[in-house]
Amino acid sequence: MYGQTEKTTLTFNFPQVLPGERTYLSIELFNSGQDSVSRLEHWIEIPTRKLSFGSARQGIAADLAGAVLKVEETPQEEDTLILHLSIQGRQPIPDGAVVEISFDVADIEPETLILPHRVEAFDDQGEEISDVDFSDARIHISLQTPDAPEIVFACFFYMH
C-alpha cells in the first residue's frame, strides 16, 4: 500500500494471540498526494477486563519526522480505558509505522476484540485534514497460534 493513496489512510495490523499472552498493535500512515500529516491524535477504547495496556512507542515513520509521542490513559465507566496517543512531528510524517502499542491479554475465551478508534490528523500548517480513512482496531484471541512461515533451507557458498 506504500505510495500515494487517494485519501490519507491509517491502518492497524490484525494480530492473533493466545489468551494470557502479550500482543502488539501497529498503526501505519499512508499520506494522500494532497496532504502532509504532521500531527495525529488517536483515541482507542480498551476493555480493561480483557486487555491491559502495556506501553506505546514511536514507529520508524514518526522517528523520521522527529516526532514526540505523548500517551494519556483515561479510565471510563464500565471497565473501559480511553488511550489517547498524540504524535507531533517537527516535519511531515512519512508513510509507515507511526506507533506500536503493547497489550497483555487476560486469560479469556477466544474471540475477536474490536477496539473502537477515532483519529484526527493535522497538516504542517496545523489545519485539520478532514478526509481521513481509518477503522477500529481488532485483536483475534485464539487457542491456536498463527502458522509459522515455511522454512527454506539454502546453502550459500562464497568463493574468492
N, C-alpha and C. Protein backbone atom coordinates (compact mmCIF):
# COMPACT_ATOMS: atom_id res chain seq x y z
N MET A 1 0.81 -1.19 0.00
CA MET A 1 0.00 0.00 0.00
C MET A 1 0.86 1.25 0.00
N TYR A 2 2.17 1.11 0.06
CA TYR A 2 3.02 2.30 0.05
C TYR A 2 2.89 2.99 -1.29
N GLY A 3 3.13 4.29 -1.29
CA GLY A 3 2.91 5.11 -2.47
C GLY A 3 1.72 6.00 -2.21
N GLN A 4 1.36 6.78 -3.17
CA GLN A 4 0.28 7.74 -2.99
C GLN A 4 -1.08 7.04 -2.92
N THR A 5 -1.90 7.47 -1.97
CA THR A 5 -3.26 6.99 -1.85
C THR A 5 -4.19 8.16 -2.12
N GLU A 6 -5.45 7.84 -2.43
CA GLU A 6 -6.43 8.88 -2.72
C GLU A 6 -6.73 9.72 -1.48
N LYS A 7 -6.85 9.05 -0.33
CA LYS A 7 -7.11 9.72 0.94
C LYS A 7 -5.99 9.37 1.91
N THR A 8 -5.75 10.26 2.86
CA THR A 8 -4.84 9.92 3.94
C THR A 8 -5.48 8.76 4.70
N THR A 9 -4.69 7.70 4.93
CA THR A 9 -5.23 6.46 5.50
C THR A 9 -4.37 6.00 6.67
N LEU A 10 -5.04 5.53 7.72
CA LEU A 10 -4.37 4.93 8.87
C LEU A 10 -4.89 3.51 9.02
N THR A 11 -3.98 2.54 9.13
CA THR A 11 -4.39 1.14 9.24
C THR A 11 -3.74 0.50 10.47
N PHE A 12 -4.40 -0.53 10.98
CA PHE A 12 -3.87 -1.36 12.06
C PHE A 12 -3.49 -2.71 11.49
N ASN A 13 -2.49 -3.37 12.10
CA ASN A 13 -2.29 -4.78 11.82
C ASN A 13 -3.41 -5.54 12.54
N PHE A 14 -3.55 -6.83 12.30
CA PHE A 14 -4.62 -7.64 12.91
C PHE A 14 -3.96 -8.83 13.59
N PRO A 15 -3.44 -8.64 14.83
CA PRO A 15 -2.70 -9.71 15.47
C PRO A 15 -3.58 -10.85 15.96
N GLN A 16 -3.00 -12.04 15.98
CA GLN A 16 -3.63 -13.23 16.56
C GLN A 16 -2.77 -13.63 17.74
N VAL A 17 -3.40 -13.87 18.89
CA VAL A 17 -2.65 -14.10 20.12
C VAL A 17 -3.36 -15.13 20.99
N LEU A 18 -2.59 -15.84 21.79
CA LEU A 18 -3.15 -16.79 22.76
C LEU A 18 -3.64 -16.04 23.99
N PRO A 19 -4.68 -16.55 24.67
CA PRO A 19 -5.10 -15.95 25.94
C PRO A 19 -3.93 -15.93 26.92
N GLY A 20 -3.82 -14.84 27.69
CA GLY A 20 -2.76 -14.73 28.68
C GLY A 20 -1.42 -14.27 28.14
N GLU A 21 -1.32 -13.98 26.86
CA GLU A 21 -0.05 -13.58 26.24
C GLU A 21 -0.04 -12.08 25.95
N ARG A 22 1.12 -11.57 25.53
CA ARG A 22 1.28 -10.17 25.12
C ARG A 22 1.10 -10.08 23.61
N THR A 23 0.50 -8.97 23.17
CA THR A 23 0.33 -8.73 21.74
C THR A 23 0.66 -7.29 21.42
N TYR A 24 0.84 -7.01 20.13
CA TYR A 24 1.24 -5.69 19.68
C TYR A 24 0.34 -5.23 18.55
N LEU A 25 -0.10 -3.98 18.65
CA LEU A 25 -0.84 -3.33 17.56
C LEU A 25 0.07 -2.28 16.96
N SER A 26 0.14 -2.24 15.65
CA SER A 26 0.88 -1.19 14.95
C SER A 26 -0.09 -0.35 14.15
N ILE A 27 0.16 0.96 14.14
CA ILE A 27 -0.64 1.87 13.32
C ILE A 27 0.27 2.40 12.22
N GLU A 28 -0.18 2.25 10.96
CA GLU A 28 0.59 2.74 9.82
C GLU A 28 -0.14 3.89 9.15
N LEU A 29 0.63 4.86 8.68
CA LEU A 29 0.12 6.03 7.99
C LEU A 29 0.45 5.93 6.51
N PHE A 30 -0.53 6.27 5.68
CA PHE A 30 -0.33 6.38 4.24
C PHE A 30 -0.88 7.74 3.83
N ASN A 31 0.01 8.65 3.45
CA ASN A 31 -0.39 10.01 3.08
C ASN A 31 -1.02 10.03 1.70
N SER A 32 -1.99 10.93 1.52
CA SER A 32 -2.54 11.14 0.18
C SER A 32 -1.58 12.04 -0.58
N GLY A 33 -1.80 12.21 -1.85
CA GLY A 33 -0.95 13.09 -2.65
C GLY A 33 -1.09 14.55 -2.28
N GLN A 34 -2.24 14.93 -1.71
CA GLN A 34 -2.51 16.33 -1.41
C GLN A 34 -2.12 16.73 0.01
N ASP A 35 -2.08 15.79 0.95
CA ASP A 35 -1.89 16.12 2.36
C ASP A 35 -0.54 15.67 2.87
N SER A 36 0.00 16.44 3.82
CA SER A 36 1.21 16.07 4.55
C SER A 36 0.86 16.11 6.03
N VAL A 37 0.76 14.95 6.64
CA VAL A 37 0.37 14.86 8.05
C VAL A 37 1.58 15.18 8.93
N SER A 38 1.39 16.11 9.88
CA SER A 38 2.43 16.44 10.84
C SER A 38 2.03 16.11 12.28
N ARG A 39 0.72 15.96 12.50
CA ARG A 39 0.24 15.63 13.84
C ARG A 39 -0.92 14.67 13.76
N LEU A 40 -0.91 13.67 14.64
CA LEU A 40 -2.00 12.70 14.74
C LEU A 40 -2.48 12.62 16.18
N GLU A 41 -3.78 12.58 16.35
CA GLU A 41 -4.40 12.39 17.66
C GLU A 41 -5.27 11.14 17.56
N HIS A 42 -4.93 10.11 18.34
CA HIS A 42 -5.68 8.84 18.34
C HIS A 42 -6.36 8.64 19.69
N TRP A 43 -7.59 8.12 19.66
CA TRP A 43 -8.29 7.70 20.86
C TRP A 43 -8.74 6.26 20.63
N ILE A 44 -8.30 5.35 21.49
CA ILE A 44 -8.61 3.93 21.35
C ILE A 44 -9.28 3.47 22.64
N GLU A 45 -10.42 2.79 22.51
CA GLU A 45 -11.18 2.31 23.66
C GLU A 45 -10.72 0.90 24.00
N ILE A 46 -10.27 0.70 25.24
CA ILE A 46 -9.70 -0.57 25.69
C ILE A 46 -10.62 -1.22 26.73
N PRO A 47 -11.08 -2.47 26.51
CA PRO A 47 -11.86 -3.18 27.54
C PRO A 47 -10.90 -3.75 28.59
N THR A 48 -10.85 -3.13 29.76
CA THR A 48 -9.82 -3.45 30.74
C THR A 48 -9.97 -4.83 31.40
N ARG A 49 -11.12 -5.46 31.28
CA ARG A 49 -11.24 -6.84 31.79
C ARG A 49 -10.60 -7.85 30.83
N LYS A 50 -10.37 -7.42 29.60
CA LYS A 50 -9.82 -8.32 28.59
C LYS A 50 -8.39 -7.96 28.18
N LEU A 51 -8.05 -6.68 28.26
CA LEU A 51 -6.72 -6.22 27.85
C LEU A 51 -6.16 -5.27 28.89
N SER A 52 -4.85 -5.35 29.10
CA SER A 52 -4.14 -4.37 29.93
C SER A 52 -3.17 -3.64 29.02
N PHE A 53 -3.23 -2.32 29.04
CA PHE A 53 -2.29 -1.52 28.26
C PHE A 53 -0.90 -1.69 28.84
N GLY A 54 0.06 -1.99 27.97
CA GLY A 54 1.44 -2.15 28.39
C GLY A 54 2.25 -0.89 28.15
N SER A 55 2.46 -0.58 26.86
CA SER A 55 3.26 0.59 26.51
C SER A 55 2.96 1.00 25.08
N ALA A 56 3.43 2.18 24.72
CA ALA A 56 3.34 2.66 23.34
C ALA A 56 4.69 3.27 22.99
N ARG A 57 5.13 3.04 21.77
CA ARG A 57 6.38 3.64 21.33
C ARG A 57 6.24 4.07 19.88
N GLN A 58 7.04 5.05 19.51
CA GLN A 58 7.01 5.57 18.15
C GLN A 58 7.49 4.54 17.16
N GLY A 59 6.88 4.58 15.97
CA GLY A 59 7.35 3.78 14.87
C GLY A 59 8.40 4.53 14.08
N ILE A 60 8.95 3.89 13.07
CA ILE A 60 10.05 4.47 12.29
C ILE A 60 9.62 5.74 11.56
N ALA A 61 8.39 5.79 11.05
CA ALA A 61 7.94 6.99 10.33
C ALA A 61 7.89 8.19 11.28
N ALA A 62 7.41 7.98 12.49
CA ALA A 62 7.37 9.07 13.48
C ALA A 62 8.79 9.50 13.85
N ASP A 63 9.69 8.54 14.00
CA ASP A 63 11.09 8.87 14.30
C ASP A 63 11.70 9.73 13.19
N LEU A 64 11.44 9.36 11.94
CA LEU A 64 12.00 10.11 10.81
C LEU A 64 11.51 11.55 10.78
N ALA A 65 10.31 11.80 11.32
CA ALA A 65 9.75 13.15 11.36
C ALA A 65 10.17 13.90 12.62
N GLY A 66 11.01 13.30 13.45
CA GLY A 66 11.41 13.93 14.70
C GLY A 66 10.23 14.11 15.64
N ALA A 67 9.29 13.19 15.59
CA ALA A 67 8.03 13.32 16.34
C ALA A 67 8.22 13.05 17.82
N VAL A 68 7.29 13.59 18.58
CA VAL A 68 7.20 13.33 20.02
C VAL A 68 5.87 12.62 20.26
N LEU A 69 5.91 11.52 20.99
CA LEU A 69 4.72 10.75 21.33
C LEU A 69 4.33 11.04 22.77
N LYS A 70 3.07 11.43 22.97
CA LYS A 70 2.52 11.61 24.31
C LYS A 70 1.39 10.62 24.49
N VAL A 71 1.35 9.96 25.65
CA VAL A 71 0.35 8.94 25.95
C VAL A 71 -0.43 9.36 27.18
N GLU A 72 -1.75 9.29 27.08
CA GLU A 72 -2.62 9.62 28.21
C GLU A 72 -3.65 8.52 28.37
N GLU A 73 -3.81 8.02 29.59
CA GLU A 73 -4.79 6.98 29.90
C GLU A 73 -5.91 7.60 30.73
N THR A 74 -7.16 7.44 30.27
CA THR A 74 -8.31 7.98 31.00
C THR A 74 -9.30 6.85 31.28
N PRO A 75 -9.42 6.42 32.55
CA PRO A 75 -10.41 5.39 32.89
C PRO A 75 -11.83 5.92 32.67
N GLN A 76 -12.68 5.05 32.15
CA GLN A 76 -14.09 5.37 31.92
C GLN A 76 -14.94 4.44 32.77
N GLU A 77 -16.24 4.62 32.72
CA GLU A 77 -17.14 3.72 33.43
C GLU A 77 -17.15 2.35 32.76
N GLU A 78 -17.63 1.36 33.47
CA GLU A 78 -17.81 0.01 32.92
C GLU A 78 -16.51 -0.61 32.38
N ASP A 79 -15.45 -0.56 33.16
CA ASP A 79 -14.22 -1.29 32.83
C ASP A 79 -13.65 -0.94 31.45
N THR A 80 -13.61 0.33 31.14
CA THR A 80 -13.08 0.79 29.86
C THR A 80 -12.03 1.86 30.11
N LEU A 81 -10.98 1.82 29.30
CA LEU A 81 -9.92 2.81 29.35
C LEU A 81 -9.85 3.48 27.99
N ILE A 82 -9.77 4.81 27.97
CA ILE A 82 -9.54 5.52 26.72
C ILE A 82 -8.04 5.81 26.66
N LEU A 83 -7.39 5.29 25.64
CA LEU A 83 -5.97 5.52 25.41
C LEU A 83 -5.84 6.62 24.37
N HIS A 84 -5.25 7.75 24.77
CA HIS A 84 -5.05 8.88 23.85
C HIS A 84 -3.58 8.93 23.48
N LEU A 85 -3.30 8.81 22.19
CA LEU A 85 -1.94 8.88 21.67
C LEU A 85 -1.83 10.14 20.82
N SER A 86 -0.91 11.01 21.17
CA SER A 86 -0.68 12.25 20.43
C SER A 86 0.72 12.17 19.82
N ILE A 87 0.80 12.29 18.51
CA ILE A 87 2.07 12.20 17.80
C ILE A 87 2.28 13.52 17.06
N GLN A 88 3.28 14.28 17.48
CA GLN A 88 3.55 15.59 16.89
C GLN A 88 4.92 15.56 16.23
N GLY A 89 4.95 15.69 14.89
CA GLY A 89 6.20 15.71 14.16
C GLY A 89 6.76 17.11 14.04
N ARG A 90 8.09 17.22 13.96
CA ARG A 90 8.71 18.52 13.70
C ARG A 90 8.64 18.85 12.21
N GLN A 91 8.34 17.84 11.43
CA GLN A 91 8.16 17.97 9.99
C GLN A 91 7.11 16.94 9.58
N PRO A 92 6.65 16.95 8.33
CA PRO A 92 5.63 15.97 7.92
C PRO A 92 6.08 14.53 8.18
N ILE A 93 5.14 13.71 8.60
CA ILE A 93 5.40 12.31 8.91
C ILE A 93 5.30 11.51 7.61
N PRO A 94 6.34 10.76 7.24
CA PRO A 94 6.28 9.97 6.01
C PRO A 94 5.40 8.73 6.18
N ASP A 95 5.11 8.06 5.07
CA ASP A 95 4.36 6.80 5.11
C ASP A 95 5.12 5.79 5.96
N GLY A 96 4.38 5.00 6.72
CA GLY A 96 5.00 3.94 7.50
C GLY A 96 4.42 3.86 8.90
N ALA A 97 5.06 3.05 9.73
CA ALA A 97 4.59 2.82 11.10
C ALA A 97 4.79 4.07 11.95
N VAL A 98 3.70 4.53 12.58
CA VAL A 98 3.80 5.72 13.43
C VAL A 98 3.83 5.37 14.92
N VAL A 99 3.20 4.26 15.30
CA VAL A 99 3.21 3.88 16.71
C VAL A 99 2.97 2.37 16.84
N GLU A 100 3.58 1.78 17.88
CA GLU A 100 3.35 0.38 18.23
C GLU A 100 2.89 0.34 19.68
N ILE A 101 1.79 -0.37 19.92
CA ILE A 101 1.17 -0.44 21.24
C ILE A 101 1.21 -1.88 21.72
N SER A 102 1.61 -2.10 22.97
CA SER A 102 1.60 -3.46 23.52
C SER A 102 0.47 -3.60 24.53
N PHE A 103 -0.13 -4.79 24.53
CA PHE A 103 -1.21 -5.14 25.45
C PHE A 103 -0.95 -6.52 26.01
N ASP A 104 -1.33 -6.72 27.27
CA ASP A 104 -1.36 -8.05 27.85
C ASP A 104 -2.81 -8.52 27.80
N VAL A 105 -3.01 -9.70 27.23
CA VAL A 105 -4.36 -10.26 27.07
C VAL A 105 -4.69 -11.07 28.33
N ALA A 106 -5.88 -10.87 28.86
CA ALA A 106 -6.33 -11.65 30.02
C ALA A 106 -6.53 -13.11 29.59
N ASP A 107 -6.67 -13.97 30.55
CA ASP A 107 -6.93 -15.38 30.27
C ASP A 107 -8.42 -15.53 29.99
N ILE A 108 -8.81 -15.22 28.76
CA ILE A 108 -10.23 -15.17 28.37
C ILE A 108 -10.51 -16.19 27.27
N GLU A 109 -11.78 -16.41 27.02
CA GLU A 109 -12.19 -17.30 25.93
C GLU A 109 -11.82 -16.68 24.59
N PRO A 110 -11.56 -17.52 23.58
CA PRO A 110 -11.24 -16.99 22.26
C PRO A 110 -12.36 -16.11 21.71
N GLU A 111 -11.98 -15.00 21.11
CA GLU A 111 -12.91 -14.08 20.47
C GLU A 111 -12.10 -13.05 19.69
N THR A 112 -12.78 -12.30 18.86
CA THR A 112 -12.14 -11.17 18.19
C THR A 112 -12.58 -9.91 18.91
N LEU A 113 -11.62 -9.23 19.51
CA LEU A 113 -11.90 -7.97 20.20
C LEU A 113 -11.88 -6.83 19.19
N ILE A 114 -12.87 -5.98 19.26
CA ILE A 114 -12.91 -4.77 18.42
C ILE A 114 -12.71 -3.59 19.35
N LEU A 115 -11.66 -2.81 19.07
CA LEU A 115 -11.33 -1.65 19.88
C LEU A 115 -11.73 -0.39 19.12
N PRO A 116 -12.82 0.27 19.53
CA PRO A 116 -13.23 1.49 18.83
C PRO A 116 -12.09 2.51 18.79
N HIS A 117 -11.92 3.13 17.63
CA HIS A 117 -10.79 4.03 17.37
C HIS A 117 -11.30 5.29 16.68
N ARG A 118 -10.79 6.41 17.13
CA ARG A 118 -11.10 7.70 16.49
C ARG A 118 -9.77 8.41 16.27
N VAL A 119 -9.66 9.14 15.18
CA VAL A 119 -8.40 9.83 14.88
C VAL A 119 -8.68 11.21 14.30
N GLU A 120 -7.78 12.12 14.57
CA GLU A 120 -7.75 13.43 13.93
C GLU A 120 -6.34 13.62 13.39
N ALA A 121 -6.25 14.13 12.17
CA ALA A 121 -4.95 14.36 11.53
C ALA A 121 -4.84 15.84 11.17
N PHE A 122 -3.62 16.37 11.29
CA PHE A 122 -3.38 17.78 11.02
C PHE A 122 -2.17 17.92 10.10
N ASP A 123 -2.22 18.92 9.21
CA ASP A 123 -1.10 19.14 8.29
C ASP A 123 -0.03 19.99 8.96
N ASP A 124 1.02 20.33 8.19
CA ASP A 124 2.14 21.08 8.76
C ASP A 124 1.80 22.53 9.06
N GLN A 125 0.62 23.01 8.64
CA GLN A 125 0.15 24.35 8.99
C GLN A 125 -0.79 24.33 10.20
N GLY A 126 -1.05 23.13 10.74
CA GLY A 126 -1.95 22.99 11.88
C GLY A 126 -3.41 22.86 11.51
N GLU A 127 -3.70 22.80 10.21
CA GLU A 127 -5.08 22.65 9.73
C GLU A 127 -5.49 21.18 9.79
N GLU A 128 -6.73 20.93 10.24
CA GLU A 128 -7.22 19.56 10.29
C GLU A 128 -7.45 19.02 8.89
N ILE A 129 -7.02 17.79 8.66
CA ILE A 129 -7.27 17.09 7.40
C ILE A 129 -8.60 16.38 7.57
N SER A 130 -9.60 16.83 6.82
CA SER A 130 -10.97 16.37 7.08
C SER A 130 -11.27 14.98 6.53
N ASP A 131 -10.63 14.58 5.46
CA ASP A 131 -10.98 13.32 4.81
C ASP A 131 -9.91 12.27 5.08
N VAL A 132 -9.99 11.65 6.26
CA VAL A 132 -9.02 10.62 6.66
C VAL A 132 -9.74 9.29 6.76
N ASP A 133 -9.17 8.26 6.16
CA ASP A 133 -9.75 6.92 6.18
C ASP A 133 -9.09 6.12 7.31
N PHE A 134 -9.90 5.56 8.22
CA PHE A 134 -9.38 4.76 9.33
C PHE A 134 -10.45 3.78 9.77
N SER A 135 -10.07 2.85 10.63
CA SER A 135 -11.03 1.86 11.12
C SER A 135 -10.74 1.56 12.59
N ASP A 136 -11.59 0.73 13.18
CA ASP A 136 -11.36 0.27 14.54
C ASP A 136 -10.24 -0.77 14.52
N ALA A 137 -9.59 -0.94 15.66
CA ALA A 137 -8.55 -1.96 15.79
C ALA A 137 -9.20 -3.29 16.14
N ARG A 138 -8.56 -4.39 15.73
CA ARG A 138 -9.06 -5.73 16.05
C ARG A 138 -7.91 -6.59 16.54
N ILE A 139 -8.20 -7.40 17.54
CA ILE A 139 -7.24 -8.38 18.06
C ILE A 139 -7.96 -9.71 18.14
N HIS A 140 -7.39 -10.73 17.49
CA HIS A 140 -8.01 -12.05 17.48
C HIS A 140 -7.38 -12.91 18.58
N ILE A 141 -8.20 -13.25 19.60
CA ILE A 141 -7.76 -14.13 20.68
C ILE A 141 -8.13 -15.55 20.25
N SER A 142 -7.13 -16.42 20.17
CA SER A 142 -7.35 -17.77 19.65
C SER A 142 -6.55 -18.78 20.45
N LEU A 143 -7.04 -20.01 20.48
CA LEU A 143 -6.29 -21.09 21.13
C LEU A 143 -5.23 -21.67 20.20
N GLN A 144 -5.21 -21.21 18.97
CA GLN A 144 -4.21 -21.67 18.02
C GLN A 144 -3.29 -20.53 17.67
N THR A 145 -2.02 -20.84 17.59
CA THR A 145 -1.07 -19.81 17.18
C THR A 145 -1.07 -19.72 15.67
N PRO A 146 -0.70 -18.56 15.13
CA PRO A 146 -0.65 -18.44 13.67
C PRO A 146 0.38 -19.40 13.09
N ASP A 147 0.14 -19.82 11.86
CA ASP A 147 1.08 -20.70 11.19
C ASP A 147 2.42 -20.00 11.03
N ALA A 148 3.48 -20.74 11.28
CA ALA A 148 4.82 -20.20 11.08
C ALA A 148 5.13 -20.21 9.59
N PRO A 149 5.94 -19.29 9.13
CA PRO A 149 6.30 -19.31 7.71
C PRO A 149 7.09 -20.57 7.39
N GLU A 150 7.00 -21.00 6.15
CA GLU A 150 7.75 -22.18 5.74
C GLU A 150 9.24 -21.92 5.87
N ILE A 151 9.94 -22.95 6.28
CA ILE A 151 11.39 -22.84 6.40
C ILE A 151 12.00 -23.16 5.04
N VAL A 152 12.89 -22.32 4.62
CA VAL A 152 13.59 -22.54 3.36
C VAL A 152 15.04 -22.83 3.69
N PHE A 153 15.47 -24.01 3.29
CA PHE A 153 16.86 -24.37 3.51
C PHE A 153 17.67 -23.95 2.29
N ALA A 154 18.78 -23.33 2.55
CA ALA A 154 19.62 -22.89 1.45
C ALA A 154 21.08 -23.01 1.86
N CYS A 155 21.90 -23.24 0.88
CA CYS A 155 23.33 -23.27 1.10
C CYS A 155 23.93 -22.11 0.32
N PHE A 156 24.78 -21.38 0.98
CA PHE A 156 25.44 -20.26 0.31
C PHE A 156 26.93 -20.53 0.32
N PHE A 157 27.52 -20.48 -0.85
CA PHE A 157 28.96 -20.71 -0.97
C PHE A 157 29.61 -19.39 -1.36
N TYR A 158 30.69 -19.11 -0.71
CA TYR A 158 31.43 -17.90 -1.03
C TYR A 158 32.78 -18.33 -1.57
N MET A 159 33.07 -17.88 -2.75
CA MET A 159 34.36 -18.21 -3.36
C MET A 159 35.06 -16.91 -3.71
N HIS A 160 36.34 -16.88 -3.50
CA HIS A 160 37.10 -15.70 -3.90
C HIS A 160 38.32 -16.05 -4.67
